[in-house]
Amino acid sequence: PAHAIASPSAAAAMQGERDAASVAATHNQFKPLYTGSRKPTAGGYRSYGWLPTYLRRIVKYRQMDFEYSFWLMLQLCISPRTAYRHTTYNKQTKNRWSRDDPAFVIICSFFMAVSACAYCVTFGGSFVHSIYNIIAAVAVDFLLLGVGLSSICWYLANKYM
């Protein structure tokens, strides 16, 4: 026939051209369309780009693993060995002892607010004074003192150990 190729190397070259064309067509088919109206963002954090990663995850509710955090809190009360074992697995897989999920801190803050509210209900006082006590318990006693004490311990451990 007229369309037959004379040599096997010419046939391989034609097949290679067809494969390259199909790959290019497939690649262009899945290329994202940029309209210019919005800049593409990495991870959808466009409006929170100025925050550190840990604080950005607090803003994104769906990225927090509340189920695992509640389970870990329960294990810390019932079986600390199991909690330590899972934390050790996290150290082995991610090479860090800390959690990158802020759900544990959010849950602890919530429990601090509930306990401060129970304190205010038990010992009375005005509504404004109760709100002040709840905010002081969460912001000052839990968050600021926790960050300050952990920073001091981190500094001392890195300097003297």
Protein backbone atom coordinates (compact mmCIF):
# COMPACT_ATOMS: atom_id res chain seq x y z
CA PRO A 1 0.00 0.00 0.00
CA ALA A 2 0.96 3.63 -0.46
CA HIS A 3 0.99 4.46 3.27
CA ALA A 4 3.28 1.57 4.21
CA ILE A 5 6.63 2.49 5.74
CA ALA A 6 9.70 0.99 4.15
CA SER A 7 12.01 0.52 7.14
CA PRO A 8 11.39 -0.54 10.76
CA SER A 9 13.35 2.46 12.10
CA ALA A 10 11.08 4.85 10.23
CA ALA A 11 8.05 3.07 11.73
CA ALA A 12 9.51 3.45 15.23
CA ALA A 13 10.15 7.14 14.59
CA MET A 14 6.55 7.67 13.46
CA GLN A 15 5.27 5.79 16.54
CA GLY A 16 7.48 7.96 18.78
CA GLU A 17 6.10 11.13 17.19
CA ARG A 18 2.52 9.92 17.76
CA ASP A 19 3.30 9.06 21.41
CA ALA A 20 4.91 12.46 21.99
CA ALA A 21 1.92 14.20 20.41
CA SER A 22 -0.55 12.27 22.58
CA VAL A 23 1.46 13.05 25.74
CA ALA A 24 1.56 16.75 24.82
CA ALA A 25 -2.19 16.76 24.14
CA THR A 26 -2.88 15.04 27.47
CA HIS A 27 -0.57 17.47 29.31
CA ASN A 28 -2.28 20.51 27.76
CA GLN A 29 -5.69 19.04 28.53
CA PHE A 30 -5.04 19.07 32.31
CA LYS A 31 -3.19 22.39 32.44
CA PRO A 32 -4.96 24.81 34.81
CA LEU A 33 -6.62 27.78 33.19
CA TYR A 34 -5.41 31.06 34.67
CA THR A 35 -7.86 33.86 34.01
CA GLY A 36 -5.89 36.61 35.73
CA SER A 37 -8.69 37.56 38.11
CA ARG A 38 -7.13 35.81 41.12
CA LYS A 39 -3.61 34.76 41.85
CA PRO A 40 -3.24 31.03 42.41
CA THR A 41 -2.51 30.23 46.06
CA ALA A 42 -0.57 27.43 47.67
CA GLY A 43 -2.88 25.51 49.98
CA GLY A 44 -5.69 28.07 49.92
CA TYR A 45 -4.13 30.33 52.56
CA ARG A 46 -4.31 33.51 50.53
CA SER A 47 -5.85 35.76 53.17
CA TYR A 48 -3.84 34.29 56.05
CA GLY A 49 -0.42 34.22 54.41
CA TRP A 50 1.12 36.51 56.99
CA LEU A 51 0.38 34.06 59.85
CA PRO A 52 2.77 31.25 60.82
CA THR A 53 1.67 27.78 59.72
CA TYR A 54 0.48 26.70 63.18
CA LEU A 55 -1.79 29.73 63.52
CA ARG A 56 -3.09 29.31 59.97
CA ARG A 57 -4.21 25.82 60.93
CA ILE A 58 -6.19 27.23 63.85
CA VAL A 59 -8.14 29.37 61.37
CA LYS A 60 -8.83 26.36 59.11
CA TYR A 61 -11.29 24.26 61.13
CA ARG A 62 -11.34 21.28 58.75
CA GLN A 63 -7.61 20.67 59.07
CA MET A 64 -7.77 19.98 62.80
CA ASP A 65 -8.07 16.38 63.97
CA PHE A 66 -10.39 16.70 66.97
CA GLU A 67 -11.14 12.99 67.15
CA TYR A 68 -7.47 12.06 67.61
CA SER A 69 -6.97 14.91 70.09
CA PHE A 70 -9.90 13.77 72.24
CA TRP A 71 -8.62 10.20 72.06
CA LEU A 72 -5.14 11.33 73.11
CA MET A 73 -6.56 13.30 76.05
CA LEU A 74 -8.50 10.25 77.15
CA GLN A 75 -5.41 8.08 76.86
CA LEU A 76 -3.40 10.59 78.91
CA CYS A 77 -5.94 10.14 81.73
CA ILE A 78 -6.52 6.39 81.41
CA SER A 79 -3.34 4.93 79.94
CA PRO A 80 -0.36 7.31 79.68
CA ARG A 81 1.79 4.51 78.27
CA THR A 82 -0.44 4.28 75.20
CA ALA A 83 -0.31 8.06 74.72
CA TYR A 84 3.48 8.00 75.04
CA ARG A 85 3.73 5.14 72.54
CA HIS A 86 1.68 7.03 69.95
CA THR A 87 3.70 10.19 70.55
CA THR A 88 6.86 8.13 70.02
CA TYR A 89 5.44 6.83 66.72
CA ASN A 90 4.82 10.45 65.72
CA LYS A 91 8.45 11.27 66.58
CA GLN A 92 9.65 8.38 64.45
CA THR A 93 7.52 9.27 61.43
CA LYS A 94 7.70 13.09 61.46
CA ASN A 95 10.96 13.48 63.43
CA ARG A 96 9.44 15.90 65.93
CA TRP A 97 7.90 15.52 69.35
CA SER A 98 5.41 18.35 68.99
CA ARG A 99 2.11 18.07 67.20
CA ASP A 100 1.54 20.25 64.17
CA ASP A 101 -2.21 20.12 64.80
CA PRO A 102 -3.59 22.92 67.03
CA ALA A 103 -6.73 20.93 67.94
CA PHE A 104 -5.25 19.81 71.27
CA VAL A 105 -4.61 23.42 72.33
CA ILE A 106 -8.11 24.47 71.25
CA ILE A 107 -9.69 21.65 73.26
CA CYS A 108 -7.55 22.45 76.32
CA SER A 109 -8.53 26.12 76.02
CA PHE A 110 -12.19 25.13 75.83
CA PHE A 111 -11.88 22.97 78.95
CA MET A 112 -10.11 25.83 80.76
CA ALA A 113 -12.98 28.15 79.82
CA VAL A 114 -15.54 25.61 81.08
CA SER A 115 -13.70 25.17 84.38
CA ALA A 116 -13.37 28.97 84.80
CA CYS A 117 -17.08 29.29 84.10
CA ALA A 118 -17.84 26.64 86.72
CA TYR A 119 -15.63 28.53 89.19
CA CYS A 120 -17.52 31.77 88.51
CA VAL A 121 -20.90 30.07 88.90
CA THR A 122 -19.84 28.41 92.15
CA PHE A 123 -18.33 31.45 93.82
CA GLY A 124 -20.68 34.07 92.37
CA GLY A 125 -19.84 37.51 91.14
CA SER A 126 -21.12 39.78 88.43
CA PHE A 127 -21.45 38.77 84.80
CA VAL A 128 -18.70 41.15 83.68
CA HIS A 129 -16.37 39.87 86.38
CA SER A 130 -17.12 36.28 85.30
CA ILE A 131 -16.27 37.07 81.65
CA TYR A 132 -13.06 38.73 82.83
CA ASN A 133 -12.14 35.63 84.87
CA ILE A 134 -12.82 33.28 81.95
CA ILE A 135 -10.71 35.35 79.52
CA ALA A 136 -7.94 35.70 82.10
CA ALA A 137 -7.92 31.95 82.77
CA VAL A 138 -7.65 31.05 79.09
CA ALA A 139 -5.46 33.88 77.77
CA VAL A 140 -3.17 34.58 80.71
CA ASP A 141 -3.06 31.45 82.83
CA PHE A 142 -3.15 28.89 80.05
CA LEU A 143 -1.78 30.44 76.87
CA LEU A 144 0.67 33.16 77.97
CA LEU A 145 2.08 31.37 80.98
CA GLY A 146 2.23 28.12 78.98
CA VAL A 147 4.13 29.76 76.12
CA GLY A 148 6.42 31.60 78.52
CA LEU A 149 7.23 28.58 80.69
CA SER A 150 7.73 26.28 77.71
CA SER A 151 10.04 28.84 76.07
CA ILE A 152 12.15 29.12 79.22
CA CYS A 153 12.36 25.34 79.54
CA TRP A 154 13.23 25.01 75.85
CA TYR A 155 16.03 27.56 76.23
CA LEU A 156 17.44 25.88 79.35
CA ALA A 157 17.26 22.42 77.79
CA ASN A 158 19.06 23.55 74.64
CA LYS A 159 21.70 25.48 76.56
CA TYR A 160 22.56 22.99 79.30
CA MET A 161 21.68 19.58 77.93
